[in-house]
Amino acid sequence: MTQFPMKGRTALVLGADNAVGRGAALQFARAGGQVIVAGPDTEAIKLLHRLILDKKGNPVEAALPETINEAVALLREKRDLLGHVHYLINAMHAVEGADDAWSRKLYAAVLDLIAGRGAVRLATIWPDDAGSPPPFPSGAWHTLVRFARLAHEDQEETSDSLRPGAVAEATLALLHCPPGACPLETRLGFRPLKG
């Protein structure tokens, strides 16, 4: 169980249908926060929603349609239902095979959706092999969490790989620290340089 309390806070987790996003949503819910679980894989989102409910959490389900406009309309509805989103966790690229163009457009649209509605803490979880992360809004309270690679469920963590839950826990720890006290970028599970 996480040591960072989030009671009374709401997080929107984009990519909650992949292992890292699912881990972030579970960690946030365990910490007592309200979480909007969002991603394009309808079945994975429904399963995560049920899992959080079974653990006495209070999730809001958002299985995202294929078009950006429909996805944003759904997320607007969920945001309005809850009143305010305190944290936006972008885990859309946390696994191989993410649709880069769709994910970037969705992220930009979601940033517009939450702009001007009070302070929002942003975290992007980004694998090292996924190229460059999307641009961050100027003046935003943002943290980039980079990692080398994920360990598969059937293998142990190595020096350059992490379990999805470890990435999620590190992300939640960064969301919990006050503005100015956290690094802008954190790198997890990287092999030390030989020298």
Protein backbone atom coordinates (compact mmCIF):
# COMPACT_ATOMS: atom_id res chain seq x y z
CA MET A 1 0.00 0.00 0.00
CA THR A 2 1.26 3.45 -0.88
CA GLN A 3 2.56 5.80 1.78
CA PHE A 4 1.38 8.96 -0.02
CA PRO A 5 -2.18 9.94 0.97
CA MET A 6 -4.36 11.36 -1.81
CA LYS A 7 -7.73 11.58 -0.05
CA GLY A 8 -9.88 14.33 -1.53
CA ARG A 9 -7.79 14.43 -4.72
CA THR A 10 -8.72 13.34 -8.24
CA ALA A 11 -6.41 11.94 -10.91
CA LEU A 12 -7.07 11.35 -14.59
CA VAL A 13 -4.89 8.45 -15.75
CA LEU A 14 -4.48 8.30 -19.53
CA GLY A 15 -3.28 4.85 -20.55
CA ALA A 16 -4.87 3.10 -17.56
CA ASP A 17 -5.40 0.14 -19.90
CA ASN A 18 -1.67 -0.72 -19.94
CA ALA A 19 0.44 -2.18 -17.12
CA VAL A 20 2.07 1.07 -15.97
CA GLY A 21 -1.11 3.16 -16.21
CA ARG A 22 -3.06 0.43 -14.40
CA GLY A 23 -0.42 0.45 -11.66
CA ALA A 24 -0.63 4.25 -11.34
CA ALA A 25 -4.44 4.13 -11.11
CA LEU A 26 -4.33 1.38 -8.48
CA GLN A 27 -1.69 3.21 -6.42
CA PHE A 28 -3.72 6.42 -6.53
CA ALA A 29 -6.92 4.63 -5.52
CA ARG A 30 -5.10 2.81 -2.67
CA ALA A 31 -3.91 6.21 -1.45
CA GLY A 32 -7.57 7.23 -1.07
CA GLY A 33 -7.90 9.34 -4.21
CA GLN A 34 -10.65 9.42 -6.82
CA VAL A 35 -9.35 8.16 -10.17
CA ILE A 36 -10.64 8.42 -13.72
CA VAL A 37 -9.32 5.35 -15.54
CA ALA A 38 -9.03 6.19 -19.23
CA GLY A 39 -7.71 4.31 -22.23
CA PRO A 40 -8.82 2.90 -25.58
CA ASP A 41 -8.95 -0.79 -24.53
CA THR A 42 -12.54 -1.04 -23.31
CA GLU A 43 -12.17 -4.48 -21.71
CA ALA A 44 -9.00 -3.53 -19.81
CA ILE A 45 -10.66 -0.34 -18.52
CA LYS A 46 -13.74 -2.28 -17.36
CA LEU A 47 -11.55 -4.85 -15.56
CA LEU A 48 -9.54 -2.13 -13.83
CA HIS A 49 -12.72 -0.31 -12.82
CA ARG A 50 -14.05 -3.51 -11.23
CA LEU A 51 -10.73 -4.22 -9.51
CA ILE A 52 -10.64 -0.77 -7.90
CA LEU A 53 -14.29 -1.11 -6.83
CA ASP A 54 -13.49 -4.51 -5.28
CA LYS A 55 -10.71 -2.85 -3.28
CA LYS A 56 -13.20 -0.27 -1.96
CA GLY A 57 -11.97 2.48 -4.29
CA ASN A 58 -14.14 4.96 -6.15
CA PRO A 59 -13.10 4.90 -9.82
CA VAL A 60 -14.74 6.55 -12.81
CA GLU A 61 -14.53 4.52 -16.01
CA ALA A 62 -13.62 6.17 -19.34
CA ALA A 63 -13.12 3.71 -22.21
CA LEU A 64 -11.98 6.11 -24.92
CA PRO A 65 -13.56 6.13 -28.38
CA GLU A 66 -11.31 6.13 -31.45
CA THR A 67 -11.88 9.73 -32.47
CA ILE A 68 -10.19 12.50 -30.52
CA ASN A 69 -13.33 14.66 -30.38
CA GLU A 70 -15.43 11.83 -28.93
CA ALA A 71 -12.68 10.91 -26.45
CA VAL A 72 -12.37 14.52 -25.28
CA ALA A 73 -16.16 14.85 -24.97
CA LEU A 74 -16.22 11.74 -22.77
CA LEU A 75 -13.38 13.04 -20.60
CA ARG A 76 -15.09 16.44 -20.32
CA GLU A 77 -18.20 14.64 -19.04
CA LYS A 78 -16.15 12.73 -16.45
CA ARG A 79 -14.27 15.88 -15.38
CA ASP A 80 -17.54 17.78 -14.96
CA LEU A 81 -18.96 14.90 -12.93
CA LEU A 82 -16.07 15.17 -10.45
CA GLY A 83 -15.61 18.95 -10.54
CA HIS A 84 -11.82 19.18 -10.66
CA VAL A 85 -8.87 17.09 -11.77
CA HIS A 86 -5.86 17.63 -9.50
CA TYR A 87 -3.47 15.28 -11.32
CA LEU A 88 -3.06 14.20 -14.92
CA ILE A 89 -0.93 11.08 -15.35
CA ASN A 90 -0.06 10.35 -18.98
CA ALA A 91 0.95 6.70 -19.38
CA MET A 92 -0.22 6.33 -22.98
CA HIS A 93 3.28 5.47 -24.29
CA ALA A 94 4.32 3.29 -21.37
CA VAL A 95 4.13 0.11 -23.47
CA GLU A 96 5.19 -0.94 -26.95
CA GLY A 97 2.71 -0.45 -29.74
CA ALA A 98 1.17 2.81 -28.53
CA ASP A 99 -0.36 4.87 -31.34
CA ASP A 100 1.97 7.86 -31.24
CA ALA A 101 -0.08 10.32 -33.32
CA TRP A 102 -3.38 9.53 -31.57
CA SER A 103 -1.77 9.62 -28.10
CA ARG A 104 -0.09 12.98 -28.71
CA LYS A 105 -3.27 14.55 -30.10
CA LEU A 106 -5.30 13.23 -27.19
CA TYR A 107 -2.79 14.52 -24.64
CA ALA A 108 -2.79 17.99 -26.22
CA ALA A 109 -6.60 18.03 -26.26
CA VAL A 110 -6.79 16.92 -22.62
CA LEU A 111 -4.35 19.68 -21.62
CA ASP A 112 -6.71 22.17 -23.28
CA LEU A 113 -9.64 20.54 -21.50
CA ILE A 114 -8.17 21.03 -18.03
CA ALA A 115 -6.50 24.41 -18.70
CA GLY A 116 -7.84 27.30 -16.67
CA ARG A 117 -9.68 25.10 -14.16
CA GLY A 118 -7.26 25.43 -11.27
CA ALA A 119 -3.84 23.99 -10.58
CA VAL A 120 -3.17 20.57 -12.07
CA ARG A 121 -0.02 18.52 -11.46
CA LEU A 122 1.13 16.72 -14.61
CA ALA A 123 3.22 13.56 -14.84
CA THR A 124 4.24 11.79 -18.01
CA ILE A 125 5.52 8.21 -17.78
CA TRP A 126 7.77 7.65 -20.78
CA PRO A 127 9.90 4.67 -21.90
CA ASP A 128 13.37 5.56 -23.06
CA ASP A 129 12.87 3.87 -26.44
CA ALA A 130 9.70 5.81 -27.36
CA GLY A 131 11.47 8.84 -28.80
CA SER A 132 10.85 12.28 -27.38
CA PRO A 133 7.91 12.92 -25.05
CA PRO A 134 5.19 15.40 -26.00
CA PRO A 135 5.88 19.07 -25.27
CA PHE A 136 4.82 20.22 -21.84
CA PRO A 137 2.80 23.38 -21.38
CA SER A 138 4.90 26.33 -20.27
CA GLY A 139 4.46 27.21 -16.63
CA ALA A 140 2.89 23.82 -15.85
CA TRP A 141 3.83 21.85 -12.75
CA HIS A 142 5.14 18.82 -14.61
CA THR A 143 7.36 15.79 -13.99
CA LEU A 144 8.69 13.39 -16.61
CA VAL A 145 9.27 9.84 -15.34
CA ARG A 146 11.53 7.95 -17.75
CA PHE A 147 12.41 4.29 -17.53
CA ALA A 148 14.63 1.91 -19.49
CA ARG A 149 12.23 -1.01 -19.85
CA LEU A 150 9.63 -3.01 -18.00
CA ALA A 151 10.19 -6.47 -16.59
CA HIS A 152 7.74 -9.05 -17.88
CA GLU A 153 5.35 -10.53 -15.34
CA ASP A 154 7.18 -13.86 -15.41
CA GLN A 155 10.67 -12.46 -14.87
CA GLU A 156 12.43 -10.67 -12.06
CA GLU A 157 13.40 -7.04 -12.13
CA THR A 158 16.94 -6.50 -13.45
CA SER A 159 19.29 -3.53 -13.24
CA ASP A 160 17.74 -1.96 -16.35
CA SER A 161 14.12 -3.06 -15.99
CA LEU A 162 11.34 -2.29 -13.53
CA ARG A 163 8.03 -3.77 -12.53
CA PRO A 164 5.09 -1.58 -13.64
CA GLY A 165 4.11 -1.13 -9.99
CA ALA A 166 7.54 0.29 -9.16
CA VAL A 167 7.19 2.88 -11.94
CA ALA A 168 3.69 3.74 -10.68
CA GLU A 169 4.88 4.09 -7.06
CA ALA A 170 7.74 6.39 -8.11
CA THR A 171 5.30 8.51 -10.12
CA LEU A 172 2.91 8.84 -7.19
CA ALA A 173 5.79 9.86 -4.90
CA LEU A 174 6.68 12.64 -7.34
CA LEU A 175 3.07 13.82 -7.52
CA HIS A 176 3.01 14.09 -3.76
CA CYS A 177 5.97 16.43 -3.36
CA PRO A 178 5.43 20.22 -3.32
CA PRO A 179 6.08 22.42 -6.38
CA GLY A 180 9.73 23.24 -6.82
CA ALA A 181 10.86 20.34 -4.62
CA CYS A 182 10.65 17.64 -7.31
CA PRO A 183 12.95 17.10 -10.26
CA LEU A 184 11.57 17.95 -13.70
CA GLU A 185 12.77 14.56 -14.93
CA THR A 186 13.38 11.29 -13.11
CA ARG A 187 15.09 8.31 -14.72
CA LEU A 188 14.28 4.87 -13.32
CA GLY A 189 15.98 1.51 -13.85
CA PHE A 190 18.86 2.68 -16.01
CA ARG A 191 22.02 0.62 -16.17
CA PRO A 192 24.96 2.49 -14.61
CA LEU A 193 27.54 3.83 -17.05
CA LYS A 194 30.75 1.80 -17.25
CA GLY A 195 33.84 3.83 -16.84
